[in-house]
PDB file of all heavy atoms in Angstrom:
ATOM      1  N   ARG A   1     -88.727  63.027  36.039  1.00  0.00           N
ATOM      2  CA  ARG A   1     -87.824  61.972  35.635  1.00  0.00           C
ATOM      3  C   ARG A   1     -87.819  60.870  36.663  1.00  0.00           C
ATOM      4  O   ARG A   1     -87.769  61.122  37.886  1.00  0.00           O
ATOM      5  CB  ARG A   1     -86.414  62.490  35.467  1.00  0.00           C
ATOM      6  CG  ARG A   1     -86.348  63.533  34.314  1.00  0.00           C
ATOM      7  CD  ARG A   1     -84.938  63.856  33.863  1.00  0.00           C
ATOM      8  NE  ARG A   1     -84.129  64.437  34.926  1.00  0.00           N
ATOM      9  CZ  ARG A   1     -82.892  64.900  34.688  1.00  0.00           C
ATOM     10  NH1 ARG A   1     -82.341  64.723  33.517  1.00  0.00           N
ATOM     11  NH2 ARG A   1     -82.246  65.447  35.658  1.00  0.00           N
ATOM     12  N   ARG A   2     -87.847  59.651  36.242  1.00  0.00           N
ATOM     13  CA  ARG A   2     -87.886  58.456  37.033  1.00  0.00           C
ATOM     14  C   ARG A   2     -86.827  57.451  36.550  1.00  0.00           C
ATOM     15  O   ARG A   2     -86.539  57.418  35.345  1.00  0.00           O
ATOM     16  CB  ARG A   2     -89.242  57.805  37.060  1.00  0.00           C
ATOM     17  CG  ARG A   2     -90.398  58.655  37.473  1.00  0.00           C
ATOM     18  CD  ARG A   2     -90.335  58.909  38.974  1.00  0.00           C
ATOM     19  NE  ARG A   2     -91.495  59.678  39.450  1.00  0.00           N
ATOM     20  CZ  ARG A   2     -91.467  60.945  39.782  1.00  0.00           C
ATOM     21  NH1 ARG A   2     -90.351  61.620  39.826  1.00  0.00           N
ATOM     22  NH2 ARG A   2     -92.557  61.553  40.195  1.00  0.00           N
ATOM     23  N   VAL A   3     -86.306  56.701  37.462  1.00  0.00           N
ATOM     24  CA  VAL A   3     -85.419  55.599  37.139  1.00  0.00           C
ATOM     25  C   VAL A   3     -85.991  54.391  37.866  1.00  0.00           C
ATOM     26  O   VAL A   3     -86.288  54.399  39.041  1.00  0.00           O
ATOM     27  CB  VAL A   3     -83.977  55.857  37.556  1.00  0.00           C
ATOM     28  CG1 VAL A   3     -83.115  54.598  37.376  1.00  0.00           C
ATOM     29  CG2 VAL A   3     -83.385  56.987  36.780  1.00  0.00           C
ATOM     30  N   VAL A   4     -86.174  53.283  37.119  1.00  0.00           N
ATOM     31  CA  VAL A   4     -86.670  52.066  37.700  1.00  0.00           C
ATOM     32  C   VAL A   4     -85.475  51.088  37.671  1.00  0.00           C
ATOM     33  O   VAL A   4     -84.852  50.842  36.637  1.00  0.00           O
ATOM     34  CB  VAL A   4     -87.835  51.491  36.904  1.00  0.00           C
ATOM     35  CG1 VAL A   4     -88.350  50.201  37.555  1.00  0.00           C
ATOM     36  CG2 VAL A   4     -88.950  52.541  36.756  1.00  0.00           C
ATOM     37  N   LEU A   5     -85.115  50.573  38.877  1.00  0.00           N
ATOM     38  CA  LEU A   5     -83.970  49.655  39.032  1.00  0.00           C
ATOM     39  C   LEU A   5     -84.486  48.268  39.347  1.00  0.00           C
ATOM     40  O   LEU A   5     -85.340  48.116  40.196  1.00  0.00           O
ATOM     41  CB  LEU A   5     -83.070  50.105  40.128  1.00  0.00           C
ATOM     42  CG  LEU A   5     -82.499  51.524  40.050  1.00  0.00           C
ATOM     43  CD1 LEU A   5     -81.747  51.873  41.319  1.00  0.00           C
ATOM     44  CD2 LEU A   5     -81.587  51.653  38.841  1.00  0.00           C
ATOM     45  N   LEU A   6     -83.962  47.301  38.668  1.00  0.00           N
ATOM     46  CA  LEU A   6     -84.135  45.903  39.021  1.00  0.00           C
ATOM     47  C   LEU A   6     -82.942  45.477  39.824  1.00  0.00           C
ATOM     48  O   LEU A   6     -81.817  45.447  39.301  1.00  0.00           O
ATOM     49  CB  LEU A   6     -84.348  45.042  37.798  1.00  0.00           C
ATOM     50  CG  LEU A   6     -84.451  43.517  38.061  1.00  0.00           C
ATOM     51  CD1 LEU A   6     -85.697  43.213  38.893  1.00  0.00           C
ATOM     52  CD2 LEU A   6     -84.530  42.768  36.796  1.00  0.00           C
ATOM     53  N   THR A   7     -83.119  45.204  41.107  1.00  0.00           N
ATOM     54  CA  THR A   7     -82.003  44.811  41.917  1.00  0.00           C
ATOM     55  C   THR A   7     -82.175  43.340  42.272  1.00  0.00           C
ATOM     56  O   THR A   7     -83.140  42.677  41.888  1.00  0.00           O
ATOM     57  CB  THR A   7     -81.911  45.666  43.231  1.00  0.00           C
ATOM     58  OG1 THR A   7     -82.977  45.255  44.120  1.00  0.00           O
ATOM     59  CG2 THR A   7     -81.982  47.132  42.935  1.00  0.00           C
ATOM     60  N   ASP A   8     -81.232  42.820  43.033  1.00  0.00           N
ATOM     61  CA  ASP A   8     -81.292  41.402  43.425  1.00  0.00           C
ATOM     62  C   ASP A   8     -82.340  41.183  44.537  1.00  0.00           C
ATOM     63  O   ASP A   8     -82.682  40.057  44.855  1.00  0.00           O
ATOM     64  CB  ASP A   8     -79.911  40.902  43.927  1.00  0.00           C
ATOM     65  CG  ASP A   8     -79.372  41.725  45.050  1.00  0.00           C
ATOM     66  OD1 ASP A   8     -79.751  42.892  45.249  1.00  0.00           O
ATOM     67  OD2 ASP A   8     -78.435  41.184  45.744  1.00  0.00           O
ATOM     68  N   ARG A   9     -82.947  42.262  45.047  1.00  0.00           N
ATOM     69  CA  ARG A   9     -83.939  42.147  46.113  1.00  0.00           C
ATOM     70  C   ARG A   9     -85.323  42.738  45.778  1.00  0.00           C
ATOM     71  O   ARG A   9     -86.311  42.356  46.396  1.00  0.00           O
ATOM     72  CB  ARG A   9     -83.419  42.859  47.380  1.00  0.00           C
ATOM     73  CG  ARG A   9     -82.133  42.346  47.864  1.00  0.00           C
ATOM     74  CD  ARG A   9     -81.649  43.117  49.078  1.00  0.00           C
ATOM     75  NE  ARG A   9     -80.288  42.777  49.366  1.00  0.00           N
ATOM     76  CZ  ARG A   9     -79.541  43.432  50.222  1.00  0.00           C
ATOM     77  NH1 ARG A   9     -80.011  44.469  50.876  1.00  0.00           N
ATOM     78  NH2 ARG A   9     -78.294  43.020  50.423  1.00  0.00           N
ATOM     79  N   ALA A  10     -85.369  43.685  44.876  1.00  0.00           N
ATOM     80  CA  ALA A  10     -86.648  44.380  44.600  1.00  0.00           C
ATOM     81  C   ALA A  10     -86.587  45.166  43.295  1.00  0.00           C
ATOM     82  O   ALA A  10     -85.535  45.261  42.677  1.00  0.00           O
ATOM     83  CB  ALA A  10     -86.970  45.308  45.769  1.00  0.00           C
ATOM     84  N   VAL A  11     -87.719  45.699  42.963  1.00  0.00           N
ATOM     85  CA  VAL A  11     -87.800  46.701  41.869  1.00  0.00           C
ATOM     86  C   VAL A  11     -87.972  48.035  42.571  1.00  0.00           C
ATOM     87  O   VAL A  11     -88.884  48.245  43.393  1.00  0.00           O
ATOM     88  CB  VAL A  11     -89.019  46.433  40.926  1.00  0.00           C
ATOM     89  CG1 VAL A  11     -89.184  47.539  39.949  1.00  0.00           C
ATOM     90  CG2 VAL A  11     -88.884  45.091  40.240  1.00  0.00           C
ATOM     91  N   VAL A  12     -87.018  48.939  42.316  1.00  0.00           N
ATOM     92  CA  VAL A  12     -86.961  50.191  43.029  1.00  0.00           C
ATOM     93  C   VAL A  12     -87.206  51.355  42.063  1.00  0.00           C
ATOM     94  O   VAL A  12     -86.546  51.399  41.042  1.00  0.00           O
ATOM     95  CB  VAL A  12     -85.575  50.378  43.721  1.00  0.00           C
ATOM     96  CG1 VAL A  12     -85.531  51.672  44.527  1.00  0.00           C
ATOM     97  CG2 VAL A  12     -85.298  49.214  44.620  1.00  0.00           C
ATOM     98  N   VAL A  13     -88.155  52.242  42.425  1.00  0.00           N
ATOM     99  CA  VAL A  13     -88.515  53.426  41.608  1.00  0.00           C
ATOM    100  C   VAL A  13     -87.885  54.616  42.310  1.00  0.00           C
ATOM    101  O   VAL A  13     -88.164  54.875  43.481  1.00  0.00           O
ATOM    102  CB  VAL A  13     -89.980  53.578  41.405  1.00  0.00           C
ATOM    103  CG1 VAL A  13     -90.289  54.799  40.542  1.00  0.00           C
ATOM    104  CG2 VAL A  13     -90.639  52.329  40.813  1.00  0.00           C
ATOM    105  N   LEU A  14     -87.002  55.359  41.587  1.00  0.00           N
ATOM    106  CA  LEU A  14     -86.328  56.547  42.156  1.00  0.00           C
ATOM    107  C   LEU A  14     -86.827  57.810  41.493  1.00  0.00           C
ATOM    108  O   LEU A  14     -87.132  57.791  40.309  1.00  0.00           O
ATOM    109  CB  LEU A  14     -84.869  56.413  41.997  1.00  0.00           C
ATOM    110  CG  LEU A  14     -84.147  55.229  42.640  1.00  0.00           C
ATOM    111  CD1 LEU A  14     -82.649  55.238  42.300  1.00  0.00           C
ATOM    112  CD2 LEU A  14     -84.364  55.205  44.114  1.00  0.00           C
ATOM    113  N   GLU A  15     -86.886  58.855  42.269  1.00  0.00           N
ATOM    114  CA  GLU A  15     -87.182  60.196  41.754  1.00  0.00           C
ATOM    115  C   GLU A  15     -85.843  60.895  41.421  1.00  0.00           C
ATOM    116  O   GLU A  15     -84.941  60.838  42.253  1.00  0.00           O
ATOM    117  CB  GLU A  15     -87.971  61.009  42.745  1.00  0.00           C
ATOM    118  CG  GLU A  15     -88.225  62.441  42.288  1.00  0.00           C
ATOM    119  CD  GLU A  15     -88.879  63.273  43.395  1.00  0.00           C
ATOM    120  OE1 GLU A  15     -88.397  63.250  44.559  1.00  0.00           O
ATOM    121  OE2 GLU A  15     -89.846  63.950  43.050  1.00  0.00           O
ATOM    122  N   TYR A  16     -85.782  61.479  40.264  1.00  0.00           N
ATOM    123  CA  TYR A  16     -84.614  62.282  39.839  1.00  0.00           C
ATOM    124  C   TYR A  16     -85.066  63.688  39.654  1.00  0.00           C
ATOM    125  O   TYR A  16     -86.234  63.926  39.344  1.00  0.00           O
ATOM    126  CB  TYR A  16     -84.005  61.700  38.585  1.00  0.00           C
ATOM    127  CG  TYR A  16     -83.079  60.514  38.862  1.00  0.00           C
ATOM    128  CD1 TYR A  16     -83.559  59.349  39.432  1.00  0.00           C
ATOM    129  CD2 TYR A  16     -81.729  60.646  38.633  1.00  0.00           C
ATOM    130  CE1 TYR A  16     -82.728  58.299  39.685  1.00  0.00           C
ATOM    131  CE2 TYR A  16     -80.871  59.615  38.921  1.00  0.00           C
ATOM    132  CZ  TYR A  16     -81.381  58.406  39.445  1.00  0.00           C
ATOM    133  OH  TYR A  16     -80.517  57.412  39.752  1.00  0.00           O
ATOM    134  N   GLY A  17     -84.121  64.655  39.714  1.00  0.00           N
ATOM    135  CA  GLY A  17     -84.470  66.063  39.519  1.00  0.00           C
ATOM    136  C   GLY A  17     -84.908  66.358  38.118  1.00  0.00           C
ATOM    137  O   GLY A  17     -84.583  65.642  37.188  1.00  0.00           O
ATOM    138  N   ARG A  18     -85.634  67.439  37.967  1.00  0.00           N
ATOM    139  CA  ARG A  18     -86.151  67.878  36.660  1.00  0.00           C
ATOM    140  C   ARG A  18     -85.064  68.457  35.781  1.00  0.00           C
ATOM    141  O   ARG A  18     -85.102  68.358  34.576  1.00  0.00           O
ATOM    142  CB  ARG A  18     -87.241  68.885  36.828  1.00  0.00           C
ATOM    143  CG  ARG A  18     -88.532  68.349  37.384  1.00  0.00           C
ATOM    144  CD  ARG A  18     -89.583  69.467  37.417  1.00  0.00           C
ATOM    145  NE  ARG A  18     -90.692  69.063  38.175  1.00  0.00           N
ATOM    146  CZ  ARG A  18     -91.740  68.403  37.696  1.00  0.00           C
ATOM    147  NH1 ARG A  18     -91.786  68.075  36.426  1.00  0.00           N
ATOM    148  NH2 ARG A  18     -92.757  68.070  38.505  1.00  0.00           N
ATOM    149  N   PHE A  19     -84.109  69.095  36.422  1.00  0.00           N
ATOM    150  CA  PHE A  19     -83.088  69.828  35.641  1.00  0.00           C
ATOM    151  C   PHE A  19     -81.694  69.269  35.994  1.00  0.00           C
ATOM    152  O   PHE A  19     -81.500  68.694  37.053  1.00  0.00           O
ATOM    153  CB  PHE A  19     -83.103  71.312  35.963  1.00  0.00           C
ATOM    154  CG  PHE A  19     -84.517  71.892  35.744  1.00  0.00           C
ATOM    155  CD1 PHE A  19     -85.287  72.187  36.824  1.00  0.00           C
ATOM    156  CD2 PHE A  19     -85.018  72.079  34.492  1.00  0.00           C
ATOM    157  CE1 PHE A  19     -86.584  72.737  36.635  1.00  0.00           C
ATOM    158  CE2 PHE A  19     -86.288  72.622  34.286  1.00  0.00           C
ATOM    159  CZ  PHE A  19     -87.059  72.939  35.369  1.00  0.00           C
ATOM    160  N   GLY A  20     -80.756  69.491  35.152  1.00  0.00           N
ATOM    161  CA  GLY A  20     -79.364  69.118  35.454  1.00  0.00           C
ATOM    162  C   GLY A  20     -79.133  67.623  35.203  1.00  0.00           C
ATOM    163  O   GLY A  20     -79.891  66.921  34.565  1.00  0.00           O
ATOM    164  N   PRO A  21     -77.985  67.148  35.752  1.00  0.00           N
ATOM    165  CA  PRO A  21     -77.634  65.764  35.543  1.00  0.00           C
ATOM    166  C   PRO A  21     -78.594  64.813  36.249  1.00  0.00           C
ATOM    167  O   PRO A  21     -79.332  65.203  37.150  1.00  0.00           O
ATOM    168  CB  PRO A  21     -76.214  65.667  36.131  1.00  0.00           C
ATOM    169  CG  PRO A  21     -76.163  66.777  37.150  1.00  0.00           C
ATOM    170  CD  PRO A  21     -77.029  67.871  36.559  1.00  0.00           C
ATOM    171  N   VAL A  22     -78.586  63.586  35.802  1.00  0.00           N
ATOM    172  CA  VAL A  22     -79.501  62.582  36.371  1.00  0.00           C
ATOM    173  C   VAL A  22     -78.880  62.172  37.739  1.00  0.00           C
ATOM    174  O   VAL A  22     -77.913  61.369  37.769  1.00  0.00           O
ATOM    175  CB  VAL A  22     -79.613  61.350  35.423  1.00  0.00           C
ATOM    176  CG1 VAL A  22     -80.591  60.342  35.992  1.00  0.00           C
ATOM    177  CG2 VAL A  22     -80.118  61.860  34.070  1.00  0.00           C
ATOM    178  N   LYS A  23     -79.451  62.716  38.826  1.00  0.00           N
ATOM    179  CA  LYS A  23     -79.006  62.366  40.164  1.00  0.00           C
ATOM    180  C   LYS A  23     -80.264  61.959  40.981  1.00  0.00           C
ATOM    181  O   LYS A  23     -81.281  62.648  40.903  1.00  0.00           O
ATOM    182  CB  LYS A  23     -78.329  63.521  40.841  1.00  0.00           C
ATOM    183  CG  LYS A  23     -76.989  63.905  40.227  1.00  0.00           C
ATOM    184  CD  LYS A  23     -76.298  64.982  40.965  1.00  0.00           C
ATOM    185  CE  LYS A  23     -74.981  65.292  40.374  1.00  0.00           C
ATOM    186  NZ  LYS A  23     -74.326  66.426  41.030  1.00  0.00           N
ATOM    187  N   PRO A  24     -80.147  60.920  41.750  1.00  0.00           N
ATOM    188  CA  PRO A  24     -81.295  60.490  42.548  1.00  0.00           C
ATOM    189  C   PRO A  24     -81.569  61.448  43.670  1.00  0.00           C
ATOM    190  O   PRO A  24     -80.720  61.995  44.275  1.00  0.00           O
ATOM    191  CB  PRO A  24     -80.880  59.115  43.056  1.00  0.00           C
ATOM    192  CG  PRO A  24     -79.385  59.230  43.157  1.00  0.00           C
ATOM    193  CD  PRO A  24     -78.980  60.082  41.997  1.00  0.00           C
ATOM    194  N   ARG A  25     -82.891  61.558  43.962  1.00  0.00           N
ATOM    195  CA  ARG A  25     -83.340  62.374  45.065  1.00  0.00           C
ATOM    196  C   ARG A  25     -83.869  61.538  46.228  1.00  0.00           C
ATOM    197  O   ARG A  25     -83.541  61.772  47.367  1.00  0.00           O
ATOM    198  CB  ARG A  25     -84.334  63.400  44.660  1.00  0.00           C
ATOM    199  CG  ARG A  25     -83.792  64.373  43.685  1.00  0.00           C
ATOM    200  CD  ARG A  25     -84.608  65.569  43.593  1.00  0.00           C
ATOM    201  NE  ARG A  25     -83.896  66.553  42.739  1.00  0.00           N
ATOM    202  CZ  ARG A  25     -84.218  67.788  42.696  1.00  0.00           C
ATOM    203  NH1 ARG A  25     -85.183  68.244  43.417  1.00  0.00           N
ATOM    204  NH2 ARG A  25     -83.536  68.592  41.952  1.00  0.00           N
ATOM    205  N   ARG A  26     -84.753  60.616  45.856  1.00  0.00           N
ATOM    206  CA  ARG A  26     -85.379  59.751  46.886  1.00  0.00           C
ATOM    207  C   ARG A  26     -85.986  58.508  46.241  1.00  0.00           C
ATOM    208  O   ARG A  26     -86.254  58.469  45.051  1.00  0.00           O
ATOM    209  CB  ARG A  26     -86.440  60.509  47.703  1.00  0.00           C
ATOM    210  CG  ARG A  26     -87.636  60.908  46.895  1.00  0.00           C
ATOM    211  CD  ARG A  26     -88.561  61.817  47.678  1.00  0.00           C
ATOM    212  NE  ARG A  26     -89.652  62.278  46.873  1.00  0.00           N
ATOM    213  CZ  ARG A  26     -90.929  61.964  47.032  1.00  0.00           C
ATOM    214  NH1 ARG A  26     -91.239  61.115  48.022  1.00  0.00           N
ATOM    215  NH2 ARG A  26     -91.840  62.423  46.247  1.00  0.00           N
ATOM    216  N   VAL A  27     -86.270  57.568  47.094  1.00  0.00           N
ATOM    217  CA  VAL A  27     -86.944  56.311  46.695  1.00  0.00           C
ATOM    218  C   VAL A  27     -88.429  56.565  46.698  1.00  0.00           C
ATOM    219  O   VAL A  27     -88.976  57.001  47.768  1.00  0.00           O
ATOM    220  CB  VAL A  27     -86.565  55.126  47.594  1.00  0.00           C
ATOM    221  CG1 VAL A  27     -87.351  53.897  47.197  1.00  0.00           C
ATOM    222  CG2 VAL A  27     -85.100  54.843  47.536  1.00  0.00           C
ATOM    223  N   LEU A  28     -89.121  56.351  45.595  1.00  0.00           N
ATOM    224  CA  LEU A  28     -90.570  56.523  45.571  1.00  0.00           C
ATOM    225  C   LEU A  28     -91.282  55.227  45.926  1.00  0.00           C
ATOM    226  O   LEU A  28     -92.347  55.268  46.551  1.00  0.00           O
ATOM    227  CB  LEU A  28     -91.036  56.931  44.172  1.00  0.00           C
ATOM    228  CG  LEU A  28     -90.600  58.362  43.731  1.00  0.00           C
ATOM    229  CD1 LEU A  28     -91.009  58.637  42.330  1.00  0.00           C
ATOM    230  CD2 LEU A  28     -91.194  59.403  44.652  1.00  0.00           C
ATOM    231  N   ALA A  29     -90.718  54.078  45.517  1.00  0.00           N
ATOM    232  CA  ALA A  29     -91.375  52.838  45.782  1.00  0.00           C
ATOM    233  C   ALA A  29     -90.372  51.695  45.758  1.00  0.00           C
ATOM    234  O   ALA A  29     -89.422  51.717  44.991  1.00  0.00           O
ATOM    235  CB  ALA A  29     -92.478  52.566  44.764  1.00  0.00           C
ATOM    236  N   ARG A  30     -90.615  50.702  46.595  1.00  0.00           N
ATOM    237  CA  ARG A  30     -89.894  49.426  46.568  1.00  0.00           C
ATOM    238  C   ARG A  30     -90.954  48.366  46.274  1.00  0.00           C
ATOM    239  O   ARG A  30     -91.786  48.155  47.108  1.00  0.00           O
ATOM    240  CB  ARG A  30     -89.155  49.132  47.862  1.00  0.00           C
ATOM    241  CG  ARG A  30     -87.919  49.992  48.077  1.00  0.00           C
ATOM    242  CD  ARG A  30     -87.123  49.534  49.299  1.00  0.00           C
ATOM    243  NE  ARG A  30     -86.469  48.285  49.070  1.00  0.00           N
ATOM    244  CZ  ARG A  30     -85.303  48.114  48.437  1.00  0.00           C
ATOM    245  NH1 ARG A  30     -84.673  49.142  47.979  1.00  0.00           N
ATOM    246  NH2 ARG A  30     -84.788  46.909  48.347  1.00  0.00           N
ATOM    247  N   LEU A  31     -90.821  47.759  45.137  1.00  0.00           N
ATOM    248  CA  LEU A  31     -91.847  46.768  44.718  1.00  0.00           C
ATOM    249  C   LEU A  31     -91.206  45.388  44.760  1.00  0.00           C
ATOM    250  O   LEU A  31     -90.027  45.202  44.606  1.00  0.00           O
ATOM    251  CB  LEU A  31     -92.348  47.102  43.311  1.00  0.00           C
ATOM    252  CG  LEU A  31     -92.865  48.531  43.124  1.00  0.00           C
ATOM    253  CD1 LEU A  31     -93.040  48.870  41.675  1.00  0.00           C
ATOM    254  CD2 LEU A  31     -94.132  48.708  43.901  1.00  0.00           C
ATOM    255  N   PRO A  32     -92.021  44.325  44.926  1.00  0.00           N
ATOM    256  CA  PRO A  32     -91.483  42.977  44.945  1.00  0.00           C
ATOM    257  C   PRO A  32     -90.886  42.563  43.619  1.00  0.00           C
ATOM    258  O   PRO A  32     -91.285  43.061  42.536  1.00  0.00           O
ATOM    259  CB  PRO A  32     -92.688  42.103  45.280  1.00  0.00           C
ATOM    260  CG  PRO A  32     -93.893  42.924  44.935  1.00  0.00           C
ATOM    261  CD  PRO A  32     -93.475  44.363  45.052  1.00  0.00           C
ATOM    262  N   LEU A  33     -89.901  41.649  43.674  1.00  0.00           N
ATOM    263  CA  LEU A  33     -89.317  41.117  42.453  1.00  0.00           C
ATOM    264  C   LEU A  33     -90.442  40.499  41.615  1.00  0.00           C
ATOM    265  O   LEU A  33     -91.372  39.945  42.184  1.00  0.00           O
ATOM    266  CB  LEU A  33     -88.275  40.069  42.783  1.00  0.00           C
ATOM    267  CG  LEU A  33     -86.895  40.599  43.298  1.00  0.00           C
ATOM    268  CD1 LEU A  33     -86.023  39.452  43.702  1.00  0.00           C
ATOM    269  CD2 LEU A  33     -86.242  41.432  42.233  1.00  0.00           C
ATOM    270  N   GLY A  34     -90.317  40.587  40.317  1.00  0.00           N
ATOM    271  CA  GLY A  34     -91.357  40.014  39.469  1.00  0.00           C
ATOM    272  C   GLY A  34     -92.382  41.073  39.051  1.00  0.00           C
ATOM    273  O   GLY A  34     -93.218  40.827  38.212  1.00  0.00           O
ATOM    274  N   THR A  35     -92.310  42.298  39.623  1.00  0.00           N
ATOM    275  CA  THR A  35     -93.201  43.370  39.187  1.00  0.00           C
ATOM    276  C   THR A  35     -92.823  43.739  37.764  1.00  0.00           C
ATOM    277  O   THR A  35     -91.654  44.059  37.486  1.00  0.00           O
ATOM    278  CB  THR A  35     -93.017  44.595  40.095  1.00  0.00           C
ATOM    279  OG1 THR A  35     -93.339  44.218  41.448  1.00  0.00           O
ATOM    280  CG2 THR A  35     -93.951  45.721  39.685  1.00  0.00           C
ATOM    281  N   GLY A  36     -93.797  43.681  36.885  1.00  0.00           N
ATOM    282  CA  GLY A  36     -93.533  43.942  35.465  1.00  0.00           C
ATOM    283  C   GLY A  36     -93.602  45.432  35.122  1.00  0.00           C
ATOM    284  O   GLY A  36     -94.242  46.203  35.820  1.00  0.00           O
ATOM    285  N   ILE A  37     -93.004  45.760  33.993  1.00  0.00           N
ATOM    286  CA  ILE A  37     -93.077  47.115  33.461  1.00  0.00           C
ATOM    287  C   ILE A  37     -93.762  47.183  32.102  1.00  0.00           C
ATOM    288  O   ILE A  37     -93.955  48.182  31.556  1.00  0.00           O
ATOM    289  CB  ILE A  37     -91.629  47.726  33.351  1.00  0.00           C
ATOM    290  CG1 ILE A  37     -90.998  47.817  34.695  1.00  0.00           C
ATOM    291  CG2 ILE A  37     -91.692  49.102  32.757  1.00  0.00           C
ATOM    292  CD1 ILE A  37     -89.710  48.503  34.696  1.00  0.00           C
ATOM    293  N   GLY A  38     -94.123  46.048  31.564  1.00  0.00           N
ATOM    294  CA  GLY A  38     -94.584  46.024  30.200  1.00  0.00           C
ATOM    295  C   GLY A  38     -96.012  45.606  30.043  1.00  0.00           C
ATOM    296  O   GLY A  38     -96.740  45.562  31.018  1.00  0.00           O
TER     297      GLY A  38
END
């Protein structure tokens, strides 16, 4: 499970656990603003 956040400073990719509620574990990547997902 991954969550991609668009913040006011960057695009942040977070790792979430496989089981249970959606809780962040760690930051996988911080990408520059303007990084596309589509």
